Amino acid sequence: MNVDEDLNWTWAAFDQLSNHQVHDLLQLRTDIFVVEQRCAYPEVDGADPFSWHLLGTGVNGQLIAYARVIPPKEGAPVIIGRVVVRQEHRGKGAGHRLMERCMQEIRDQFGRVPIRLSAQAHLTRYYEAYGFVRSGPEYPWDGIPHVDMVISATA
């Protein structure tokens, strides 16, 4: 059995997360975005306390997949960010289940609202599979090519 098929999902506001969950999500994000991708940047950026967090844990309690959702304000779109899957679980479907669940949680929480994300350029096709379209040119962000992508409110 593929462990990625047995993910347990938690959708929570920051103040609903346990200390261990906060530790695990910050550790996973740092392990991938700072260490693996060799980007020295402020991973703890001040957005977590007012964001929603989607955590996918394995049967052993290990955090495998994660995404952060910044709620819409004053007509701005919802922002999905910090989308990450633990390295040894990539290519096994956990990322797709993460995005499917993330999109569903956004619809349940906020309705059919516009959604924006900044995708690493090599992942453009991945996000297009969920209805995202490029909304601007490629640009460097912490040394990695990115593109802005959006889904309209009617998607």
N, C-alpha and C. Protein backbone atom coordinates (compact mmCIF):
# COMPACT_ATOMS: atom_id res chain seq x y z
N MET A 1 0.84 -1.18 0.00
CA MET A 1 0.00 0.00 0.00
C MET A 1 0.88 1.24 0.00
N ASN A 2 0.52 2.22 -0.79
CA ASN A 2 1.24 3.48 -0.88
C ASN A 2 0.84 4.36 0.30
N VAL A 3 1.82 4.77 1.11
CA VAL A 3 1.52 5.59 2.28
C VAL A 3 0.81 6.88 1.90
N ASP A 4 1.06 7.40 0.70
CA ASP A 4 0.43 8.65 0.28
C ASP A 4 -1.07 8.52 0.12
N GLU A 5 -1.58 7.29 0.00
CA GLU A 5 -3.02 7.09 -0.11
C GLU A 5 -3.70 7.24 1.25
N ASP A 6 -2.94 7.19 2.32
CA ASP A 6 -3.48 7.22 3.67
C ASP A 6 -3.22 8.53 4.39
N LEU A 7 -3.20 9.64 3.67
CA LEU A 7 -2.96 10.92 4.32
C LEU A 7 -4.16 11.35 5.14
N ASN A 8 -3.89 11.87 6.31
CA ASN A 8 -4.92 12.46 7.16
C ASN A 8 -4.79 13.97 7.02
N TRP A 9 -5.90 14.65 6.75
CA TRP A 9 -5.87 16.07 6.46
C TRP A 9 -6.34 16.90 7.63
N THR A 10 -5.64 18.00 7.87
CA THR A 10 -6.03 18.99 8.86
C THR A 10 -6.09 20.34 8.15
N TRP A 11 -7.24 21.00 8.24
CA TRP A 11 -7.45 22.35 7.71
C TRP A 11 -7.72 23.22 8.93
N ALA A 12 -6.83 24.17 9.22
CA ALA A 12 -6.97 24.92 10.46
C ALA A 12 -6.40 26.32 10.34
N ALA A 13 -7.00 27.23 11.10
CA ALA A 13 -6.41 28.55 11.28
C ALA A 13 -5.18 28.37 12.16
N PHE A 14 -4.27 29.32 12.11
CA PHE A 14 -3.01 29.22 12.84
C PHE A 14 -3.22 28.95 14.33
N ASP A 15 -4.15 29.67 14.96
CA ASP A 15 -4.34 29.51 16.40
C ASP A 15 -5.02 28.20 16.77
N GLN A 16 -5.44 27.42 15.77
CA GLN A 16 -6.01 26.10 16.02
C GLN A 16 -4.97 24.99 15.92
N LEU A 17 -3.79 25.34 15.44
CA LEU A 17 -2.72 24.35 15.29
C LEU A 17 -2.04 24.10 16.63
N SER A 18 -1.60 22.87 16.83
CA SER A 18 -0.84 22.55 18.03
C SER A 18 0.60 23.05 17.86
N ASN A 19 1.31 23.14 18.96
CA ASN A 19 2.72 23.52 18.90
C ASN A 19 3.50 22.56 18.00
N HIS A 20 3.20 21.28 18.09
CA HIS A 20 3.89 20.29 17.26
C HIS A 20 3.58 20.48 15.78
N GLN A 21 2.34 20.79 15.45
CA GLN A 21 2.00 21.03 14.05
C GLN A 21 2.73 22.24 13.50
N VAL A 22 2.80 23.32 14.27
CA VAL A 22 3.53 24.51 13.84
C VAL A 22 5.01 24.17 13.64
N HIS A 23 5.59 23.46 14.58
CA HIS A 23 6.98 23.05 14.44
C HIS A 23 7.17 22.23 13.18
N ASP A 24 6.31 21.24 12.95
CA ASP A 24 6.45 20.35 11.80
C ASP A 24 6.31 21.10 10.47
N LEU A 25 5.36 22.02 10.39
CA LEU A 25 5.18 22.73 9.11
C LEU A 25 6.34 23.68 8.85
N LEU A 26 6.84 24.34 9.90
CA LEU A 26 7.99 25.22 9.69
C LEU A 26 9.24 24.41 9.35
N GLN A 27 9.39 23.25 9.97
CA GLN A 27 10.54 22.41 9.66
C GLN A 27 10.48 21.89 8.22
N LEU A 28 9.30 21.42 7.78
CA LEU A 28 9.17 20.92 6.41
C LEU A 28 9.43 22.04 5.41
N ARG A 29 8.84 23.19 5.62
CA ARG A 29 9.05 24.31 4.69
C ARG A 29 10.51 24.71 4.64
N THR A 30 11.17 24.76 5.78
CA THR A 30 12.58 25.13 5.81
C THR A 30 13.44 24.05 5.15
N ASP A 31 13.16 22.78 5.44
CA ASP A 31 13.92 21.68 4.82
C ASP A 31 13.86 21.75 3.30
N ILE A 32 12.71 22.09 2.75
CA ILE A 32 12.55 22.10 1.29
C ILE A 32 12.98 23.43 0.69
N PHE A 33 12.35 24.53 1.13
CA PHE A 33 12.56 25.81 0.47
C PHE A 33 13.90 26.46 0.78
N VAL A 34 14.43 26.25 1.97
CA VAL A 34 15.69 26.88 2.34
C VAL A 34 16.87 25.94 2.10
N VAL A 35 16.79 24.70 2.62
CA VAL A 35 17.91 23.78 2.53
C VAL A 35 17.98 23.10 1.16
N GLU A 36 16.92 22.35 0.79
CA GLU A 36 16.96 21.60 -0.48
C GLU A 36 17.12 22.52 -1.68
N GLN A 37 16.37 23.62 -1.69
CA GLN A 37 16.43 24.52 -2.85
C GLN A 37 17.50 25.60 -2.70
N ARG A 38 18.20 25.57 -1.61
CA ARG A 38 19.34 26.47 -1.36
C ARG A 38 18.97 27.94 -1.53
N CYS A 39 17.88 28.34 -0.88
CA CYS A 39 17.43 29.73 -0.93
C CYS A 39 17.44 30.32 0.47
N ALA A 40 18.31 31.27 0.67
CA ALA A 40 18.33 31.97 1.95
C ALA A 40 17.30 33.10 1.87
N TYR A 41 16.18 32.92 2.52
CA TYR A 41 15.13 33.93 2.51
C TYR A 41 14.34 33.82 3.81
N PRO A 42 13.55 34.83 4.15
CA PRO A 42 12.81 34.80 5.41
C PRO A 42 11.60 33.88 5.34
N GLU A 43 11.80 32.61 5.65
CA GLU A 43 10.71 31.62 5.59
C GLU A 43 9.57 32.00 6.52
N VAL A 44 9.88 32.46 7.71
CA VAL A 44 8.86 32.93 8.64
C VAL A 44 8.64 34.40 8.30
N ASP A 45 7.56 34.65 7.55
CA ASP A 45 7.36 35.97 6.93
C ASP A 45 6.24 36.80 7.54
N GLY A 46 5.64 36.33 8.63
CA GLY A 46 4.58 37.08 9.27
C GLY A 46 3.18 36.78 8.77
N ALA A 47 3.04 35.98 7.72
CA ALA A 47 1.72 35.69 7.16
C ALA A 47 1.03 34.49 7.83
N ASP A 48 1.79 33.65 8.49
CA ASP A 48 1.20 32.44 9.08
C ASP A 48 0.08 32.72 10.08
N PRO A 49 0.22 33.69 10.98
CA PRO A 49 -0.83 33.88 12.00
C PRO A 49 -2.21 34.23 11.45
N PHE A 50 -2.30 34.82 10.26
CA PHE A 50 -3.62 35.14 9.71
C PHE A 50 -3.99 34.27 8.52
N SER A 51 -3.29 33.18 8.35
CA SER A 51 -3.54 32.25 7.24
C SER A 51 -4.24 30.99 7.72
N TRP A 52 -4.75 30.24 6.75
CA TRP A 52 -5.25 28.89 6.98
C TRP A 52 -4.17 27.93 6.52
N HIS A 53 -4.13 26.76 7.13
CA HIS A 53 -3.06 25.80 6.88
C HIS A 53 -3.66 24.43 6.60
N LEU A 54 -3.16 23.81 5.54
CA LEU A 54 -3.60 22.46 5.18
C LEU A 54 -2.41 21.53 5.36
N LEU A 55 -2.57 20.57 6.26
CA LEU A 55 -1.50 19.62 6.58
C LEU A 55 -1.96 18.21 6.23
N GLY A 56 -1.15 17.50 5.49
CA GLY A 56 -1.40 16.10 5.17
C GLY A 56 -0.37 15.23 5.87
N THR A 57 -0.81 14.46 6.85
CA THR A 57 0.11 13.63 7.61
C THR A 57 -0.10 12.16 7.27
N GLY A 58 1.00 11.41 7.36
CA GLY A 58 0.94 9.98 7.12
C GLY A 58 0.42 9.25 8.35
N VAL A 59 0.23 7.95 8.21
CA VAL A 59 -0.30 7.15 9.32
C VAL A 59 0.62 7.16 10.53
N ASN A 60 1.90 7.47 10.31
CA ASN A 60 2.86 7.54 11.41
C ASN A 60 2.92 8.93 12.04
N GLY A 61 2.08 9.86 11.56
CA GLY A 61 2.05 11.21 12.10
C GLY A 61 3.02 12.17 11.46
N GLN A 62 3.84 11.69 10.51
CA GLN A 62 4.81 12.56 9.85
C GLN A 62 4.11 13.48 8.86
N LEU A 63 4.45 14.76 8.88
CA LEU A 63 3.91 15.71 7.92
C LEU A 63 4.51 15.43 6.55
N ILE A 64 3.64 15.15 5.58
CA ILE A 64 4.08 14.79 4.24
C ILE A 64 3.80 15.90 3.23
N ALA A 65 2.65 16.58 3.37
CA ALA A 65 2.26 17.60 2.41
C ALA A 65 1.67 18.79 3.15
N TYR A 66 1.88 19.98 2.60
CA TYR A 66 1.43 21.19 3.29
C TYR A 66 1.17 22.30 2.28
N ALA A 67 0.20 23.15 2.57
CA ALA A 67 -0.03 24.39 1.81
C ALA A 67 -0.58 25.44 2.76
N ARG A 68 -0.24 26.70 2.47
CA ARG A 68 -0.74 27.83 3.25
C ARG A 68 -1.71 28.61 2.38
N VAL A 69 -2.81 29.05 2.98
CA VAL A 69 -3.84 29.80 2.26
C VAL A 69 -4.06 31.12 2.98
N ILE A 70 -3.80 32.22 2.27
CA ILE A 70 -4.04 33.55 2.82
C ILE A 70 -5.43 33.99 2.36
N PRO A 71 -6.33 34.27 3.31
CA PRO A 71 -7.71 34.62 2.97
C PRO A 71 -7.79 35.91 2.12
N PRO A 72 -8.89 36.05 1.39
CA PRO A 72 -9.07 37.26 0.59
C PRO A 72 -9.38 38.45 1.50
N LYS A 73 -8.95 39.62 1.07
CA LYS A 73 -9.33 40.83 1.80
C LYS A 73 -9.53 41.96 0.80
N GLU A 74 -10.61 42.71 1.01
CA GLU A 74 -10.93 43.88 0.20
C GLU A 74 -10.86 43.60 -1.30
N GLY A 75 -11.51 42.55 -1.74
CA GLY A 75 -11.56 42.23 -3.16
C GLY A 75 -10.34 41.54 -3.72
N ALA A 76 -9.32 41.35 -2.93
CA ALA A 76 -8.12 40.65 -3.39
C ALA A 76 -8.40 39.15 -3.44
N PRO A 77 -7.67 38.42 -4.27
CA PRO A 77 -7.87 36.98 -4.34
C PRO A 77 -7.31 36.25 -3.13
N VAL A 78 -7.77 35.03 -2.94
CA VAL A 78 -7.13 34.10 -2.00
C VAL A 78 -5.74 33.82 -2.56
N ILE A 79 -4.78 33.63 -1.69
CA ILE A 79 -3.41 33.32 -2.13
C ILE A 79 -3.01 31.96 -1.57
N ILE A 80 -2.62 31.07 -2.47
CA ILE A 80 -2.06 29.78 -2.06
C ILE A 80 -0.55 29.91 -2.11
N GLY A 81 0.11 29.45 -1.07
CA GLY A 81 1.56 29.51 -1.05
C GLY A 81 2.15 28.39 -0.22
N ARG A 82 3.46 28.32 -0.25
CA ARG A 82 4.20 27.34 0.54
C ARG A 82 3.72 25.91 0.27
N VAL A 83 3.37 25.63 -0.98
CA VAL A 83 2.92 24.28 -1.36
C VAL A 83 4.14 23.38 -1.37
N VAL A 84 4.08 22.31 -0.57
CA VAL A 84 5.27 21.48 -0.42
C VAL A 84 4.89 20.03 -0.12
N VAL A 85 5.68 19.13 -0.69
CA VAL A 85 5.56 17.69 -0.41
C VAL A 85 6.95 17.20 -0.02
N ARG A 86 7.01 16.45 1.05
CA ARG A 86 8.28 15.88 1.51
C ARG A 86 8.93 15.13 0.34
N GLN A 87 10.23 15.31 0.18
CA GLN A 87 10.96 14.82 -0.98
C GLN A 87 10.69 13.35 -1.30
N GLU A 88 10.72 12.49 -0.31
CA GLU A 88 10.56 11.05 -0.58
C GLU A 88 9.13 10.66 -0.96
N HIS A 89 8.21 11.60 -0.91
CA HIS A 89 6.82 11.31 -1.28
C HIS A 89 6.40 11.96 -2.60
N ARG A 90 7.32 12.63 -3.26
CA ARG A 90 7.00 13.26 -4.54
C ARG A 90 6.85 12.20 -5.62
N GLY A 91 5.97 12.47 -6.56
CA GLY A 91 5.74 11.54 -7.66
C GLY A 91 4.84 10.38 -7.31
N LYS A 92 4.23 10.42 -6.14
CA LYS A 92 3.36 9.32 -5.69
C LYS A 92 1.91 9.76 -5.53
N GLY A 93 1.61 11.00 -5.92
CA GLY A 93 0.23 11.46 -5.86
C GLY A 93 -0.11 12.35 -4.69
N ALA A 94 0.80 12.49 -3.72
CA ALA A 94 0.49 13.32 -2.55
C ALA A 94 0.28 14.78 -2.94
N GLY A 95 1.05 15.27 -3.89
CA GLY A 95 0.90 16.66 -4.33
C GLY A 95 -0.44 16.92 -4.98
N HIS A 96 -0.89 15.96 -5.76
CA HIS A 96 -2.20 16.12 -6.40
C HIS A 96 -3.32 16.09 -5.37
N ARG A 97 -3.21 15.19 -4.42
CA ARG A 97 -4.23 15.16 -3.36
C ARG A 97 -4.19 16.44 -2.52
N LEU A 98 -2.99 16.98 -2.31
CA LEU A 98 -2.85 18.24 -1.59
C LEU A 98 -3.59 19.36 -2.32
N MET A 99 -3.36 19.50 -3.61
CA MET A 99 -4.01 20.59 -4.35
C MET A 99 -5.52 20.38 -4.46
N GLU A 100 -5.95 19.15 -4.69
CA GLU A 100 -7.39 18.88 -4.74
C GLU A 100 -8.05 19.26 -3.42
N ARG A 101 -7.44 18.87 -2.33
CA ARG A 101 -8.00 19.17 -1.02
C ARG A 101 -7.95 20.67 -0.74
N CYS A 102 -6.86 21.31 -1.12
CA CYS A 102 -6.70 22.75 -0.92
C CYS A 102 -7.79 23.52 -1.67
N MET A 103 -8.02 23.17 -2.91
CA MET A 103 -9.04 23.85 -3.71
C MET A 103 -10.42 23.64 -3.10
N GLN A 104 -10.69 22.45 -2.61
CA GLN A 104 -11.99 22.17 -1.99
C GLN A 104 -12.15 22.96 -0.69
N GLU A 105 -11.12 23.01 0.12
CA GLU A 105 -11.19 23.76 1.38
C GLU A 105 -11.42 25.25 1.11
N ILE A 106 -10.77 25.78 0.09
CA ILE A 106 -10.96 27.20 -0.26
C ILE A 106 -12.41 27.45 -0.67
N ARG A 107 -12.96 26.58 -1.51
CA ARG A 107 -14.36 26.75 -1.92
C ARG A 107 -15.30 26.65 -0.72
N ASP A 108 -15.05 25.67 0.17
CA ASP A 108 -15.91 25.50 1.35
C ASP A 108 -15.81 26.70 2.29
N GLN A 109 -14.63 27.25 2.46
CA GLN A 109 -14.39 28.33 3.41
C GLN A 109 -14.77 29.70 2.86
N PHE A 110 -14.44 29.95 1.58
CA PHE A 110 -14.56 31.30 1.02
C PHE A 110 -15.51 31.40 -0.16
N GLY A 111 -16.02 30.28 -0.66
CA GLY A 111 -16.87 30.29 -1.85
C GLY A 111 -16.03 30.26 -3.11
N ARG A 112 -16.64 30.59 -4.20
CA ARG A 112 -15.93 30.59 -5.50
C ARG A 112 -15.30 31.95 -5.71
N VAL A 113 -14.10 32.09 -5.19
CA VAL A 113 -13.36 33.35 -5.22
C VAL A 113 -12.16 33.21 -6.14
N PRO A 114 -11.62 34.34 -6.61
CA PRO A 114 -10.37 34.25 -7.38
C PRO A 114 -9.25 33.73 -6.48
N ILE A 115 -8.33 32.98 -7.08
CA ILE A 115 -7.20 32.41 -6.35
C ILE A 115 -5.93 32.75 -7.12
N ARG A 116 -4.90 33.14 -6.39
CA ARG A 116 -3.62 33.48 -7.00
C ARG A 116 -2.51 32.66 -6.33
N LEU A 117 -1.48 32.37 -7.11
CA LEU A 117 -0.27 31.77 -6.55
C LEU A 117 0.93 32.17 -7.39
N SER A 118 2.09 32.08 -6.78
CA SER A 118 3.35 32.31 -7.48
C SER A 118 4.01 30.94 -7.62
N ALA A 119 3.99 30.42 -8.84
CA ALA A 119 4.48 29.06 -9.09
C ALA A 119 5.94 29.07 -9.53
N GLN A 120 6.69 28.10 -9.06
CA GLN A 120 7.99 27.90 -9.66
C GLN A 120 7.73 27.54 -11.12
N ALA A 121 8.47 28.17 -12.03
CA ALA A 121 8.17 28.07 -13.46
C ALA A 121 8.10 26.64 -13.96
N HIS A 122 8.92 25.75 -13.43
CA HIS A 122 8.90 24.36 -13.90
C HIS A 122 7.63 23.61 -13.48
N LEU A 123 6.81 24.23 -12.60
CA LEU A 123 5.58 23.59 -12.14
C LEU A 123 4.33 24.19 -12.79
N THR A 124 4.51 24.98 -13.82
CA THR A 124 3.37 25.64 -14.48
C THR A 124 2.33 24.62 -14.94
N ARG A 125 2.74 23.58 -15.61
CA ARG A 125 1.78 22.56 -16.09
C ARG A 125 1.02 21.90 -14.95
N TYR A 126 1.71 21.67 -13.86
CA TYR A 126 1.08 21.07 -12.68
C TYR A 126 -0.10 21.93 -12.24
N TYR A 127 0.11 23.23 -12.10
CA TYR A 127 -0.96 24.12 -11.64
C TYR A 127 -2.02 24.35 -12.73
N GLU A 128 -1.63 24.29 -13.97
CA GLU A 128 -2.62 24.41 -15.06
C GLU A 128 -3.65 23.28 -14.98
N ALA A 129 -3.25 22.13 -14.50
CA ALA A 129 -4.17 20.99 -14.36
C ALA A 129 -5.30 21.31 -13.38
N TYR A 130 -5.12 22.32 -12.53
CA TYR A 130 -6.16 22.71 -11.57
C TYR A 130 -6.90 23.97 -12.01
N GLY A 131 -6.66 24.40 -13.24
CA GLY A 131 -7.37 25.55 -13.78
C GLY A 131 -6.63 26.86 -13.70
N PHE A 132 -5.43 26.87 -13.16
CA PHE A 132 -4.66 28.11 -13.10
C PHE A 132 -4.13 28.48 -14.47
N VAL A 133 -4.06 29.79 -14.73
CA VAL A 133 -3.47 30.30 -15.97
C VAL A 133 -2.42 31.34 -15.60
N ARG A 134 -1.41 31.43 -16.45
CA ARG A 134 -0.35 32.42 -16.23
C ARG A 134 -0.95 33.81 -16.32
N SER A 135 -0.49 34.68 -15.44
CA SER A 135 -0.99 36.06 -15.46
C SER A 135 0.12 37.08 -15.59
N GLY A 136 1.29 36.63 -16.00
CA GLY A 136 2.40 37.56 -16.17
C GLY A 136 3.64 36.83 -16.64
N PRO A 137 4.70 37.58 -16.86
CA PRO A 137 5.95 36.98 -17.34
C PRO A 137 6.70 36.26 -16.22
N GLU A 138 7.64 35.46 -16.64
CA GLU A 138 8.51 34.77 -15.68
C GLU A 138 9.42 35.79 -15.00
N TYR A 139 9.71 35.56 -13.72
CA TYR A 139 10.58 36.47 -12.97
C TYR A 139 11.36 35.65 -11.94
N PRO A 140 12.54 36.13 -11.56
CA PRO A 140 13.31 35.42 -10.54
C PRO A 140 12.82 35.79 -9.14
N TRP A 141 12.69 34.77 -8.29
CA TRP A 141 12.33 35.00 -6.90
C TRP A 141 13.26 34.13 -6.07
N ASP A 142 14.13 34.74 -5.34
CA ASP A 142 15.14 34.04 -4.55
C ASP A 142 15.96 33.09 -5.41
N GLY A 143 16.26 33.54 -6.63
CA GLY A 143 17.10 32.76 -7.54
C GLY A 143 16.39 31.66 -8.29
N ILE A 144 15.08 31.52 -8.13
CA ILE A 144 14.31 30.48 -8.81
C ILE A 144 13.28 31.15 -9.72
N PRO A 145 13.21 30.75 -11.00
CA PRO A 145 12.21 31.34 -11.90
C PRO A 145 10.79 31.02 -11.43
N HIS A 146 9.95 32.04 -11.36
CA HIS A 146 8.55 31.92 -10.96
C HIS A 146 7.64 32.57 -11.99
N VAL A 147 6.37 32.20 -11.96
CA VAL A 147 5.33 32.87 -12.75
C VAL A 147 4.10 33.03 -11.86
N ASP A 148 3.42 34.16 -12.00
CA ASP A 148 2.16 34.34 -11.30
C ASP A 148 1.07 33.62 -12.07
N MET A 149 0.18 32.98 -11.32
CA MET A 149 -0.92 32.22 -11.92
C MET A 149 -2.20 32.53 -11.16
N VAL A 150 -3.34 32.50 -11.86
CA VAL A 150 -4.63 32.81 -11.24
C VAL A 150 -5.72 31.88 -11.73
N ILE A 151 -6.76 31.81 -10.91
CA ILE A 151 -8.03 31.18 -11.29
C ILE A 151 -9.08 32.25 -11.03
N SER A 152 -9.98 32.42 -12.00
CA SER A 152 -11.03 33.43 -11.81
C SER A 152 -12.05 32.93 -10.80
N ALA A 153 -12.90 33.83 -10.36
CA ALA A 153 -13.93 33.49 -9.36
C ALA A 153 -14.95 32.51 -9.90
N THR A 154 -15.06 32.38 -11.22
CA THR A 154 -16.07 31.48 -11.79
C THR A 154 -15.56 30.07 -11.99
N ALA A 155 -14.27 29.85 -11.74
CA ALA A 155 -13.70 28.51 -11.96
C ALA A 155 -14.20 27.52 -10.95
